[in-house]
C-alpha cells in the first residue's frame, strides 16, 4: 500500500520551495529590488535576462499547479493512479517525481 502521508509531506515541502522561487523570480522580473538600467546596452541585457526569468517563472508556476493537483489526488484517494490509463504508478517514479500524474508509458506517449 502506498504511503500517502510520506508523499503528502514531500509535496508540501516541494510546494513551499517552488512558491519561494516563484516569488523571488517575480520580484526580479518586476525589478522590485533593483532599478532598471539607464544605459541602453544594459537594458537590452536586462531584457534578455527577463526572458529567461519569465520562462523559469512559468515553469515554477506550472510545477506548483502540478503539486496542488497531486495533493488533491491524495485527498480524493486517487494519488498514485495514472490519470491516463488507470494503472498504479510505480513507487520509484513517485519517489523521483511525487507529483507525477502519469505512469511512465503514458508520460512517454506510448499508451493513449
PDB file of N, CA and C in Angstrom:
ATOM      1  N   UNK A   1       0.838  -1.185   0.000  1.00  0.00           N
ATOM      2  CA  UNK A   1       0.000   0.000   0.000  1.00  0.00           C
ATOM      3  C   UNK A   1       0.881   1.246   0.000  1.00  0.00           C
ATOM      4  N   UNK A   2       0.443   2.237  -0.737  1.00  0.00           N
ATOM      5  CA  UNK A   2       1.185   3.469  -0.912  1.00  0.00           C
ATOM      6  C   UNK A   2       1.117   4.329   0.348  1.00  0.00           C
ATOM      7  N   UNK A   3       2.281   4.798   0.802  1.00  0.00           N
ATOM      8  CA  UNK A   3       2.347   5.653   1.985  1.00  0.00           C
ATOM      9  C   UNK A   3       2.086   7.106   1.558  1.00  0.00           C
ATOM     10  N   UNK A   4       0.815   7.473   1.494  1.00  0.00           N
ATOM     11  CA  UNK A   4       0.466   8.809   1.014  1.00  0.00           C
ATOM     12  C   UNK A   4       0.909   9.908   1.975  1.00  0.00           C
ATOM     13  N   UNK A   5       1.025   9.601   3.249  1.00  0.00           N
ATOM     14  CA  UNK A   5       1.486  10.605   4.224  1.00  0.00           C
ATOM     15  C   UNK A   5       2.898  11.074   3.881  1.00  0.00           C
ATOM     16  N   UNK A   6       3.748  10.119   3.489  1.00  0.00           N
ATOM     17  CA  UNK A   6       5.122  10.439   3.115  1.00  0.00           C
ATOM     18  C   UNK A   6       5.127  11.371   1.901  1.00  0.00           C
ATOM     19  N   UNK A   7       4.332  11.022   0.900  1.00  0.00           N
ATOM     20  CA  UNK A   7       4.284  11.835  -0.312  1.00  0.00           C
ATOM     21  C   UNK A   7       3.637  13.191  -0.047  1.00  0.00           C
ATOM     22  N   UNK A   8       2.641  13.215   0.811  1.00  0.00           N
ATOM     23  CA  UNK A   8       1.992  14.478   1.150  1.00  0.00           C
ATOM     24  C   UNK A   8       2.996  15.442   1.788  1.00  0.00           C
ATOM     25  N   UNK A   9       3.819  14.923   2.695  1.00  0.00           N
ATOM     26  CA  UNK A   9       4.842  15.758   3.335  1.00  0.00           C
ATOM     27  C   UNK A   9       5.855  16.254   2.305  1.00  0.00           C
ATOM     28  N   UNK A  10       6.288  15.370   1.403  1.00  0.00           N
ATOM     29  CA  UNK A  10       7.236  15.762   0.362  1.00  0.00           C
ATOM     30  C   UNK A  10       6.630  16.829  -0.547  1.00  0.00           C
ATOM     31  N   UNK A  11       5.374  16.618  -0.929  1.00  0.00           N
ATOM     32  CA  UNK A  11       4.711  17.558  -1.825  1.00  0.00           C
ATOM     33  C   UNK A  11       4.557  18.937  -1.185  1.00  0.00           C
ATOM     34  N   UNK A  12       4.198  18.952   0.092  1.00  0.00           N
ATOM     35  CA  UNK A  12       4.039  20.236   0.779  1.00  0.00           C
ATOM     36  C   UNK A  12       5.374  20.972   0.877  1.00  0.00           C
ATOM     37  N   UNK A  13       6.435  20.241   1.133  1.00  0.00           N
ATOM     38  CA  UNK A  13       7.761  20.856   1.198  1.00  0.00           C
ATOM     39  C   UNK A  13       8.190  21.374  -0.180  1.00  0.00           C
ATOM     40  N   UNK A  14       7.968  20.556  -1.206  1.00  0.00           N
ATOM     41  CA  UNK A  14       8.292  20.980  -2.565  1.00  0.00           C
ATOM     42  C   UNK A  14       7.498  22.217  -2.955  1.00  0.00           C
ATOM     43  N   UNK A  15       6.227  22.235  -2.576  1.00  0.00           N
ATOM     44  CA  UNK A  15       5.368  23.376  -2.909  1.00  0.00           C
ATOM     45  C   UNK A  15       5.907  24.657  -2.286  1.00  0.00           C
ATOM     46  N   UNK A  16       6.333  24.569  -1.033  1.00  0.00           N
ATOM     47  CA  UNK A  16       6.912  25.747  -0.373  1.00  0.00           C
ATOM     48  C   UNK A  16       8.161  26.220  -1.107  1.00  0.00           C
ATOM     49  N   UNK A  17       9.022  25.272  -1.479  1.00  0.00           N
ATOM     50  CA  UNK A  17      10.256  25.626  -2.190  1.00  0.00           C
ATOM     51  C   UNK A  17       9.954  26.317  -3.518  1.00  0.00           C
ATOM     52  N   UNK A  18       9.048  25.721  -4.308  1.00  0.00           N
ATOM     53  CA  UNK A  18       8.730  26.306  -5.603  1.00  0.00           C
ATOM     54  C   UNK A  18       8.009  27.639  -5.452  1.00  0.00           C
ATOM     55  N   UNK A  19       7.145  27.764  -4.456  1.00  0.00           N
ATOM     56  CA  UNK A  19       6.450  29.038  -4.228  1.00  0.00           C
ATOM     57  C   UNK A  19       7.455  30.128  -3.880  1.00  0.00           C
ATOM     58  N   UNK A  20       8.469  29.797  -3.072  1.00  0.00           N
ATOM     59  CA  UNK A  20       9.524  30.770  -2.739  1.00  0.00           C
ATOM     60  C   UNK A  20      10.285  31.189  -3.993  1.00  0.00           C
ATOM     61  N   UNK A  21      10.598  30.209  -4.834  1.00  0.00           N
ATOM     62  CA  UNK A  21      11.328  30.513  -6.067  1.00  0.00           C
ATOM     63  C   UNK A  21      10.512  31.436  -6.972  1.00  0.00           C
ATOM     64  N   UNK A  22       9.224  31.108  -7.118  1.00  0.00           N
ATOM     65  CA  UNK A  22       8.359  31.921  -7.974  1.00  0.00           C
ATOM     66  C   UNK A  22       8.277  33.348  -7.435  1.00  0.00           C
ATOM     67  N   UNK A  23       8.175  33.495  -6.136  1.00  0.00           N
ATOM     68  CA  UNK A  23       8.123  34.825  -5.524  1.00  0.00           C
ATOM     69  C   UNK A  23       9.413  35.593  -5.785  1.00  0.00           C
ATOM     70  N   UNK A  24      10.543  34.929  -5.620  1.00  0.00           N
ATOM     71  CA  UNK A  24      11.835  35.590  -5.849  1.00  0.00           C
ATOM     72  C   UNK A  24      11.991  35.983  -7.315  1.00  0.00           C
ATOM     73  N   UNK A  25      11.593  35.103  -8.210  1.00  0.00           N
ATOM     74  CA  UNK A  25      11.697  35.409  -9.638  1.00  0.00           C
ATOM     75  C   UNK A  25      10.776  36.567  -9.989  1.00  0.00           C
ATOM     76  N   UNK A  26       9.587  36.561  -9.426  1.00  0.00           N
ATOM     77  CA  UNK A  26       8.630  37.635  -9.682  1.00  0.00           C
ATOM     78  C   UNK A  26       9.190  38.986  -9.226  1.00  0.00           C
ATOM     79  N   UNK A  27       9.852  39.004  -8.078  1.00  0.00           N
ATOM     80  CA  UNK A  27      10.481  40.241  -7.599  1.00  0.00           C
ATOM     81  C   UNK A  27      11.533  40.727  -8.590  1.00  0.00           C
ATOM     82  N   UNK A  28      12.336  39.791  -9.096  1.00  0.00           N
ATOM     83  CA  UNK A  28      13.364  40.166 -10.069  1.00  0.00           C
ATOM     84  C   UNK A  28      12.735  40.674 -11.365  1.00  0.00           C
ATOM     85  N   UNK A  29      11.669  40.013 -11.811  1.00  0.00           N
ATOM     86  CA  UNK A  29      11.011  40.421 -13.052  1.00  0.00           C
ATOM     87  C   UNK A  29      10.404  41.815 -12.956  1.00  0.00           C
ATOM     88  N   UNK A  30       9.876  42.125 -11.804  1.00  0.00           N
ATOM     89  CA  UNK A  30       9.238  43.417 -11.622  1.00  0.00           C
ATOM     90  C   UNK A  30      10.200  44.467 -11.058  1.00  0.00           C
ATOM     91  N   UNK A  31      11.462  44.087 -10.995  1.00  0.00           N
ATOM     92  CA  UNK A  31      12.524  44.982 -10.560  1.00  0.00           C
ATOM     93  C   UNK A  31      12.182  45.670  -9.233  1.00  0.00           C
ATOM     94  N   UNK A  32      11.683  44.861  -8.307  1.00  0.00           N
ATOM     95  CA  UNK A  32      11.291  45.389  -7.005  1.00  0.00           C
ATOM     96  C   UNK A  32      12.487  45.754  -6.138  1.00  0.00           C
ATOM     97  N   UNK A  33      13.604  45.088  -6.360  1.00  0.00           N
ATOM     98  CA  UNK A  33      14.768  45.327  -5.505  1.00  0.00           C
ATOM     99  C   UNK A  33      15.909  46.012  -6.244  1.00  0.00           C
ATOM    100  N   UNK A  34      15.845  46.023  -7.581  1.00  0.00           N
ATOM    101  CA  UNK A  34      16.878  46.702  -8.356  1.00  0.00           C
ATOM    102  C   UNK A  34      16.203  47.548  -9.428  1.00  0.00           C
ATOM    103  N   UNK A  35      16.763  48.686  -9.679  1.00  0.00           N
ATOM    104  CA  UNK A  35      16.203  49.597 -10.684  1.00  0.00           C
ATOM    105  C   UNK A  35      16.547  49.133 -12.089  1.00  0.00           C
ATOM    106  N   UNK A  36      15.751  49.562 -13.046  1.00  0.00           N
ATOM    107  CA  UNK A  36      16.046  49.288 -14.449  1.00  0.00           C
ATOM    108  C   UNK A  36      17.237  50.148 -14.845  1.00  0.00           C
ATOM    109  N   UNK A  37      18.148  49.534 -15.578  1.00  0.00           N
ATOM    110  CA  UNK A  37      19.372  50.234 -16.000  1.00  0.00           C
ATOM    111  C   UNK A  37      19.029  51.410 -16.914  1.00  0.00           C
ATOM    112  N   UNK A  38      19.829  52.452 -16.825  1.00  0.00           N
ATOM    113  CA  UNK A  38      19.629  53.631 -17.674  1.00  0.00           C
ATOM    114  C   UNK A  38      20.319  53.459 -19.023  1.00  0.00           C
ATOM    115  N   UNK A  39      21.414  52.737 -19.041  1.00  0.00           N
ATOM    116  CA  UNK A  39      22.171  52.515 -20.263  1.00  0.00           C
ATOM    117  C   UNK A  39      21.409  51.562 -21.186  1.00  0.00           C
ATOM    118  N   UNK A  40      21.298  51.936 -22.470  1.00  0.00           N
ATOM    119  CA  UNK A  40      20.535  51.143 -23.429  1.00  0.00           C
ATOM    120  C   UNK A  40      21.081  49.723 -23.566  1.00  0.00           C
ATOM    121  N   UNK A  41      22.393  49.578 -23.646  1.00  0.00           N
ATOM    122  CA  UNK A  41      23.005  48.251 -23.779  1.00  0.00           C
ATOM    123  C   UNK A  41      22.695  47.387 -22.554  1.00  0.00           C
ATOM    124  N   UNK A  42      22.742  48.002 -21.395  1.00  0.00           N
ATOM    125  CA  UNK A  42      22.423  47.277 -20.166  1.00  0.00           C
ATOM    126  C   UNK A  42      20.941  46.892 -20.122  1.00  0.00           C
ATOM    127  N   UNK A  43      20.077  47.764 -20.661  1.00  0.00           N
ATOM    128  CA  UNK A  43      18.650  47.450 -20.716  1.00  0.00           C
ATOM    129  C   UNK A  43      18.402  46.239 -21.618  1.00  0.00           C
ATOM    130  N   UNK A  44      19.137  46.168 -22.724  1.00  0.00           N
ATOM    131  CA  UNK A  44      18.993  45.031 -23.635  1.00  0.00           C
ATOM    132  C   UNK A  44      19.380  43.735 -22.936  1.00  0.00           C
ATOM    133  N   UNK A  45      20.467  43.771 -22.195  1.00  0.00           N
ATOM    134  CA  UNK A  45      20.894  42.598 -21.429  1.00  0.00           C
ATOM    135  C   UNK A  45      19.853  42.244 -20.377  1.00  0.00           C
ATOM    136  N   UNK A  46      19.318  43.268 -19.732  1.00  0.00           N
ATOM    137  CA  UNK A  46      18.304  43.054 -18.702  1.00  0.00           C
ATOM    138  C   UNK A  46      17.044  42.416 -19.306  1.00  0.00           C
ATOM    139  N   UNK A  47      16.675  42.848 -20.510  1.00  0.00           N
ATOM    140  CA  UNK A  47      15.519  42.263 -21.186  1.00  0.00           C
ATOM    141  C   UNK A  47      15.746  40.785 -21.509  1.00  0.00           C
ATOM    142  N   UNK A  48      16.953  40.455 -21.945  1.00  0.00           N
ATOM    143  CA  UNK A  48      17.287  39.054 -22.209  1.00  0.00           C
ATOM    144  C   UNK A  48      17.178  38.241 -20.920  1.00  0.00           C
ATOM    145  N   UNK A  49      17.686  38.793 -19.834  1.00  0.00           N
ATOM    146  CA  UNK A  49      17.587  38.108 -18.542  1.00  0.00           C
ATOM    147  C   UNK A  49      16.128  37.945 -18.124  1.00  0.00           C
ATOM    148  N   UNK A  50      15.307  38.957 -18.396  1.00  0.00           N
ATOM    149  CA  UNK A  50      13.889  38.887 -18.058  1.00  0.00           C
ATOM    150  C   UNK A  50      13.192  37.764 -18.825  1.00  0.00           C
ATOM    151  N   UNK A  51      13.608  37.538 -20.079  1.00  0.00           N
ATOM    152  CA  UNK A  51      13.019  36.445 -20.862  1.00  0.00           C
ATOM    153  C   UNK A  51      13.309  35.098 -20.200  1.00  0.00           C
ATOM    154  N   UNK A  52      14.521  34.918 -19.741  1.00  0.00           N
ATOM    155  CA  UNK A  52      14.889  33.683 -19.041  1.00  0.00           C
ATOM    156  C   UNK A  52      14.089  33.564 -17.746  1.00  0.00           C
ATOM    157  N   UNK A  53      14.005  34.665 -17.013  1.00  0.00           N
ATOM    158  CA  UNK A  53      13.242  34.659 -15.763  1.00  0.00           C
ATOM    159  C   UNK A  53      11.766  34.357 -16.003  1.00  0.00           C
ATOM    160  N   UNK A  54      11.204  34.887 -17.089  1.00  0.00           N
ATOM    161  CA  UNK A  54       9.812  34.581 -17.426  1.00  0.00           C
ATOM    162  C   UNK A  54       9.609  33.090 -17.653  1.00  0.00           C
ATOM    163  N   UNK A  55      10.546  32.471 -18.358  1.00  0.00           N
ATOM    164  CA  UNK A  55      10.458  31.027 -18.598  1.00  0.00           C
ATOM    165  C   UNK A  55      10.535  30.254 -17.287  1.00  0.00           C
ATOM    166  N   UNK A  56      11.478  30.639 -16.436  1.00  0.00           N
ATOM    167  CA  UNK A  56      11.614  29.980 -15.134  1.00  0.00           C
ATOM    168  C   UNK A  56      10.374  30.194 -14.271  1.00  0.00           C
ATOM    169  N   UNK A  57       9.812  31.393 -14.335  1.00  0.00           N
ATOM    170  CA  UNK A  57       8.620  31.721 -13.574  1.00  0.00           C
ATOM    171  C   UNK A  57       7.431  30.863 -14.030  1.00  0.00           C
ATOM    172  N   UNK A  58       7.251  30.754 -15.357  1.00  0.00           N
ATOM    173  CA  UNK A  58       6.168  29.932 -15.893  1.00  0.00           C
ATOM    174  C   UNK A  58       6.337  28.466 -15.503  1.00  0.00           C
ATOM    175  N   UNK A  59       7.563  27.988 -15.590  1.00  0.00           N
ATOM    176  CA  UNK A  59       7.845  26.599 -15.219  1.00  0.00           C
ATOM    177  C   UNK A  59       7.569  26.370 -13.733  1.00  0.00           C
ATOM    178  N   UNK A  60       7.987  27.302 -12.898  1.00  0.00           N
ATOM    179  CA  UNK A  60       7.757  27.187 -11.460  1.00  0.00           C
ATOM    180  C   UNK A  60       6.280  27.187 -11.121  1.00  0.00           C
ATOM    181  N   UNK A  61       5.530  28.097 -11.742  1.00  0.00           N
ATOM    182  CA  UNK A  61       4.082  28.147 -11.514  1.00  0.00           C
ATOM    183  C   UNK A  61       3.409  26.857 -11.973  1.00  0.00           C
ATOM    184  N   UNK A  62       3.873  26.324 -13.099  1.00  0.00           N
ATOM    185  CA  UNK A  62       3.332  25.058 -13.599  1.00  0.00           C
ATOM    186  C   UNK A  62       3.586  23.917 -12.630  1.00  0.00           C
ATOM    187  N   UNK A  63       4.775  23.889 -12.047  1.00  0.00           N
ATOM    188  CA  UNK A  63       5.107  22.846 -11.084  1.00  0.00           C
ATOM    189  C   UNK A  63       4.260  22.977  -9.828  1.00  0.00           C
ATOM    190  N   UNK A  64       4.035  24.205  -9.363  1.00  0.00           N
ATOM    191  CA  UNK A  64       3.170  24.417  -8.193  1.00  0.00           C
ATOM    192  C   UNK A  64       1.770  23.895  -8.493  1.00  0.00           C
ATOM    193  N   UNK A  65       1.277  24.145  -9.705  1.00  0.00           N
ATOM    194  CA  UNK A  65      -0.049  23.645 -10.074  1.00  0.00           C
ATOM    195  C   UNK A  65      -0.084  22.117 -10.085  1.00  0.00           C
ATOM    196  N   UNK A  66       0.967  21.480 -10.598  1.00  0.00           N
ATOM    197  CA  UNK A  66       1.041  20.019 -10.606  1.00  0.00           C
ATOM    198  C   UNK A  66       1.063  19.472  -9.178  1.00  0.00           C
ATOM    199  N   UNK A  67       1.788  20.143  -8.306  1.00  0.00           N
ATOM    200  CA  UNK A  67       1.854  19.724  -6.899  1.00  0.00           C
ATOM    201  C   UNK A  67       0.482  19.858  -6.253  1.00  0.00           C
ATOM    202  N   UNK A  68      -0.202  20.964  -6.526  1.00  0.00           N
ATOM    203  CA  UNK A  68      -1.548  21.159  -5.979  1.00  0.00           C
ATOM    204  C   UNK A  68      -2.496  20.057  -6.457  1.00  0.00           C
ATOM    205  N   UNK A  69      -2.384  19.686  -7.725  1.00  0.00           N
ATOM    206  CA  UNK A  69      -3.222  18.611  -8.259  1.00  0.00           C
ATOM    207  C   UNK A  69      -2.898  17.279  -7.574  1.00  0.00           C
ATOM    208  N   UNK A  70      -1.621  17.041  -7.302  1.00  0.00           N
ATOM    209  CA  UNK A  70      -1.223  15.807  -6.620  1.00  0.00           C
ATOM    210  C   UNK A  70      -1.784  15.779  -5.198  1.00  0.00           C
ATOM    211  N   UNK A  71      -1.752  16.918  -4.515  1.00  0.00           N
ATOM    212  CA  UNK A  71      -2.320  16.989  -3.163  1.00  0.00           C
ATOM    213  C   UNK A  71      -3.832  16.739  -3.194  1.00  0.00           C
ATOM    214  N   UNK A  72      -4.496  17.223  -4.228  1.00  0.00           N
ATOM    215  CA  UNK A  72      -5.930  16.937  -4.389  1.00  0.00           C
ATOM    216  C   UNK A  72      -6.174  15.448  -4.617  1.00  0.00           C
ATOM    217  N   UNK A  73      -5.292  14.820  -5.417  1.00  0.00           N
ATOM    218  CA  UNK A  73      -5.435  13.377  -5.654  1.00  0.00           C
ATOM    219  C   UNK A  73      -5.238  12.592  -4.359  1.00  0.00           C
ATOM    220  N   UNK A  74      -4.352  13.065  -3.491  1.00  0.00           N
ATOM    221  CA  UNK A  74      -4.185  12.410  -2.186  1.00  0.00           C
ATOM    222  C   UNK A  74      -5.484  12.522  -1.406  1.00  0.00           C
ATOM    223  N   UNK A  75      -6.072  13.717  -1.396  1.00  0.00           N
ATOM    224  CA  UNK A  75      -7.310  13.943  -0.644  1.00  0.00           C
ATOM    225  C   UNK A  75      -8.484  13.135  -1.173  1.00  0.00           C
ATOM    226  N   UNK A  76      -8.532  12.922  -2.492  1.00  0.00           N
ATOM    227  CA  UNK A  76      -9.673  12.175  -3.023  1.00  0.00           C
ATOM    228  C   UNK A  76      -9.379  10.696  -3.260  1.00  0.00           C
ATOM    229  N   UNK A  77      -8.195  10.248  -2.836  1.00  0.00           N
ATOM    230  CA  UNK A  77      -7.873   8.823  -2.878  1.00  0.00           C
ATOM    231  C   UNK A  77      -7.423   8.285  -4.218  1.00  0.00           C
ATOM    232  N   UNK A  78      -7.045   9.154  -5.142  1.00  0.00           N
ATOM    233  CA  UNK A  78      -6.599   8.681  -6.452  1.00  0.00           C
ATOM    234  C   UNK A  78      -5.104   8.888  -6.681  1.00  0.00           C
ATOM    235  N   UNK A  79      -4.389   9.293  -5.643  1.00  0.00           N
ATOM    236  CA  UNK A  79      -2.950   9.504  -5.781  1.00  0.00           C
ATOM    237  C   UNK A  79      -2.264   8.181  -6.095  1.00  0.00           C
ATOM    238  N   UNK A  80      -1.320   8.217  -7.025  1.00  0.00           N
ATOM    239  CA  UNK A  80      -0.582   7.020  -7.391  1.00  0.00           C
ATOM    240  C   UNK A  80      -1.246   6.213  -8.490  1.00  0.00           C
ATOM    241  N   UNK A  81      -2.369   6.702  -8.997  1.00  0.00           N
ATOM    242  CA  UNK A  81      -3.069   6.054 -10.106  1.00  0.00           C
ATOM    243  C   UNK A  81      -2.889   6.940 -11.336  1.00  0.00           C
ATOM    244  N   UNK A  82      -2.453   6.351 -12.429  1.00  0.00           N
ATOM    245  CA  UNK A  82      -2.229   7.096 -13.663  1.00  0.00           C
ATOM    246  C   UNK A  82      -3.548   7.673 -14.164  1.00  0.00           C
ATOM    247  N   UNK A  83      -3.551   8.976 -14.431  1.00  0.00           N
ATOM    248  CA  UNK A  83      -4.766   9.607 -14.933  1.00  0.00           C
ATOM    249  C   UNK A  83      -4.975   9.317 -16.420  1.00  0.00           C
ATOM    250  N   UNK A  84      -3.984   8.716 -17.052  1.00  0.00           N
ATOM    251  CA  UNK A  84      -4.110   8.363 -18.465  1.00  0.00           C
ATOM    252  C   UNK A  84      -4.721   7.003 -18.683  1.00  0.00           C
ATOM    253  N   UNK A  85      -4.183   5.993 -17.981  1.00  0.00           N
ATOM    254  CA  UNK A  85      -4.634   4.618 -18.229  1.00  0.00           C
ATOM    255  C   UNK A  85      -5.228   3.933 -17.003  1.00  0.00           C
ATOM    256  N   UNK A  86      -5.074   4.533 -15.828  1.00  0.00           N
ATOM    257  CA  UNK A  86      -5.689   3.976 -14.630  1.00  0.00           C
ATOM    258  C   UNK A  86      -4.882   2.925 -13.891  1.00  0.00           C
ATOM    259  N   UNK A  87      -3.647   2.659 -14.314  1.00  0.00           N
ATOM    260  CA  UNK A  87      -2.816   1.689 -13.592  1.00  0.00           C
ATOM    261  C   UNK A  87      -2.048   2.405 -12.480  1.00  0.00           C
ATOM    262  N   UNK A  88      -1.529   1.617 -11.539  1.00  0.00           N
ATOM    263  CA  UNK A  88      -0.733   2.202 -10.462  1.00  0.00           C
ATOM    264  C   UNK A  88       0.582   2.729 -11.021  1.00  0.00           C
ATOM    265  N   UNK A  89       0.951   3.910 -10.546  1.00  0.00           N
ATOM    266  CA  UNK A  89       2.237   4.498 -10.922  1.00  0.00           C
ATOM    267  C   UNK A  89       3.305   3.862 -10.036  1.00  0.00           C
ATOM    268  N   UNK A  90       4.390   3.454 -10.643  1.00  0.00           N
ATOM    269  CA  UNK A  90       5.489   2.817  -9.926  1.00  0.00           C
ATOM    270  C   UNK A  90       5.986   3.737  -8.811  1.00  0.00           C
ATOM    271  N   UNK A  91       6.168   3.165  -7.619  1.00  0.00           N
ATOM    272  CA  UNK A  91       6.630   3.971  -6.474  1.00  0.00           C
ATOM    273  C   UNK A  91       7.985   4.620  -6.723  1.00  0.00           C
ATOM    274  N   UNK A  92       8.838   3.956  -7.485  1.00  0.00           N
ATOM    275  CA  UNK A  92      10.145   4.556  -7.789  1.00  0.00           C
ATOM    276  C   UNK A  92       9.954   5.856  -8.573  1.00  0.00           C
ATOM    277  N   UNK A  93       8.975   5.876  -9.451  1.00  0.00           N
ATOM    278  CA  UNK A  93       8.674   7.107 -10.206  1.00  0.00           C
ATOM    279  C   UNK A  93       8.165   8.189  -9.252  1.00  0.00           C
ATOM    280  N   UNK A  94       7.265   7.815  -8.337  1.00  0.00           N
ATOM    281  CA  UNK A  94       6.726   8.772  -7.382  1.00  0.00           C
ATOM    282  C   UNK A  94       7.800   9.271  -6.419  1.00  0.00           C
ATOM    283  N   UNK A  95       8.779   8.429  -6.122  1.00  0.00           N
ATOM    284  CA  UNK A  95       9.877   8.863  -5.258  1.00  0.00           C
ATOM    285  C   UNK A  95      10.694   9.969  -5.929  1.00  0.00           C
ATOM    286  N   UNK A  96      10.805   9.897  -7.255  1.00  0.00           N
ATOM    287  CA  UNK A  96      11.576  10.889  -8.006  1.00  0.00           C
ATOM    288  C   UNK A  96      10.715  12.109  -8.342  1.00  0.00           C
ATOM    289  N   UNK A  97       9.473  11.852  -8.766  1.00  0.00           N
ATOM    290  CA  UNK A  97       8.550  12.924  -9.150  1.00  0.00           C
ATOM    291  C   UNK A  97       7.234  12.689  -8.401  1.00  0.00           C
ATOM    292  N   UNK A  98       7.147  13.131  -7.150  1.00  0.00           N
ATOM    293  CA  UNK A  98       5.966  12.816  -6.351  1.00  0.00           C
ATOM    294  C   UNK A  98       4.667  13.419  -6.879  1.00  0.00           C
ATOM    295  N   UNK A  99       4.757  14.380  -7.769  1.00  0.00           N
ATOM    296  CA  UNK A  99       3.552  14.982  -8.342  1.00  0.00           C
ATOM    297  C   UNK A  99       3.184  14.380  -9.703  1.00  0.00           C
ATOM    298  N   UNK A 100       3.842  13.272 -10.067  1.00  0.00           N
ATOM    299  CA  UNK A 100       3.551  12.623 -11.350  1.00  0.00           C
ATOM    300  C   UNK A 100       2.098  12.165 -11.389  1.00  0.00           C
ATOM    301  N   UNK A 101       1.434  12.471 -12.500  1.00  0.00           N
ATOM    302  CA  UNK A 101       0.055  12.021 -12.633  1.00  0.00           C
ATOM    303  C   UNK A 101      -0.077  10.922 -13.685  1.00  0.00           C
ATOM    304  N   UNK A 102       1.022  10.640 -14.382  1.00  0.00           N
ATOM    305  CA  UNK A 102       1.010   9.602 -15.403  1.00  0.00           C
ATOM    306  C   UNK A 102       2.063   8.540 -15.111  1.00  0.00           C
ATOM    307  N   UNK A 103       1.770   7.304 -15.486  1.00  0.00           N
ATOM    308  CA  UNK A 103       2.786   6.254 -15.438  1.00  0.00           C
ATOM    309  C   UNK A 103       3.818   6.579 -16.522  1.00  0.00           C
ATOM    310  N   UNK A 104       4.923   5.876 -16.524  1.00  0.00           N
ATOM    311  CA  UNK A 104       5.999   6.152 -17.491  1.00  0.00           C
ATOM    312  C   UNK A 104       5.493   5.985 -18.928  1.00  0.00           C
ATOM    313  N   UNK A 105       4.736   4.929 -19.177  1.00  0.00           N
ATOM    314  CA  UNK A 105       4.269   4.658 -20.536  1.00  0.00           C
ATOM    315  C   UNK A 105       3.392   5.792 -21.056  1.00  0.00           C
ATOM    316  N   UNK A 106       2.450   6.261 -20.227  1.00  0.00           N
ATOM    317  CA  UNK A 106       1.586   7.365 -20.643  1.00  0.00           C
ATOM    318  C   UNK A 106       2.377   8.661 -20.777  1.00  0.00           C
ATOM    319  N   UNK A 107       3.314   8.886 -19.860  1.00  0.00           N
ATOM    320  CA  UNK A 107       4.119  10.106 -19.913  1.00  0.00           C
ATOM    321  C   UNK A 107       4.956  10.152 -21.192  1.00  0.00           C
ATOM    322  N   UNK A 108       5.380   8.996 -21.641  1.00  0.00           N
ATOM    323  CA  UNK A 108       6.170   8.933 -22.881  1.00  0.00           C
ATOM    324  C   UNK A 108       5.282   8.880 -24.105  1.00  0.00           C
ATOM    325  N   UNK A 109       3.959   8.821 -23.914  1.00  0.00           N
ATOM    326  CA  UNK A 109       3.028   8.818 -25.031  1.00  0.00           C
ATOM    327  C   UNK A 109       2.853   7.483 -25.700  1.00  0.00           C
ATOM    328  N   UNK A 110       3.293   6.402 -25.022  1.00  0.00           N
ATOM    329  CA  UNK A 110       3.184   5.068 -25.617  1.00  0.00           C
ATOM    330  C   UNK A 110       1.779   4.492 -25.484  1.00  0.00           C
ATOM    331  N   UNK A 111       1.034   4.945 -24.478  1.00  0.00           N
ATOM    332  CA  UNK A 111      -0.335   4.465 -24.256  1.00  0.00           C
ATOM    333  C   UNK A 111      -1.245   5.657 -24.418  1.00  0.00           C
ATOM    334  N   UNK A 112      -2.348   5.476 -25.119  1.00  0.00           N
ATOM    335  CA  UNK A 112      -3.264   6.609 -25.314  1.00  0.00           C
ATOM    336  C   UNK A 112      -4.385   6.612 -24.311  1.00  0.00           C
TER     337      UNK A 112
END
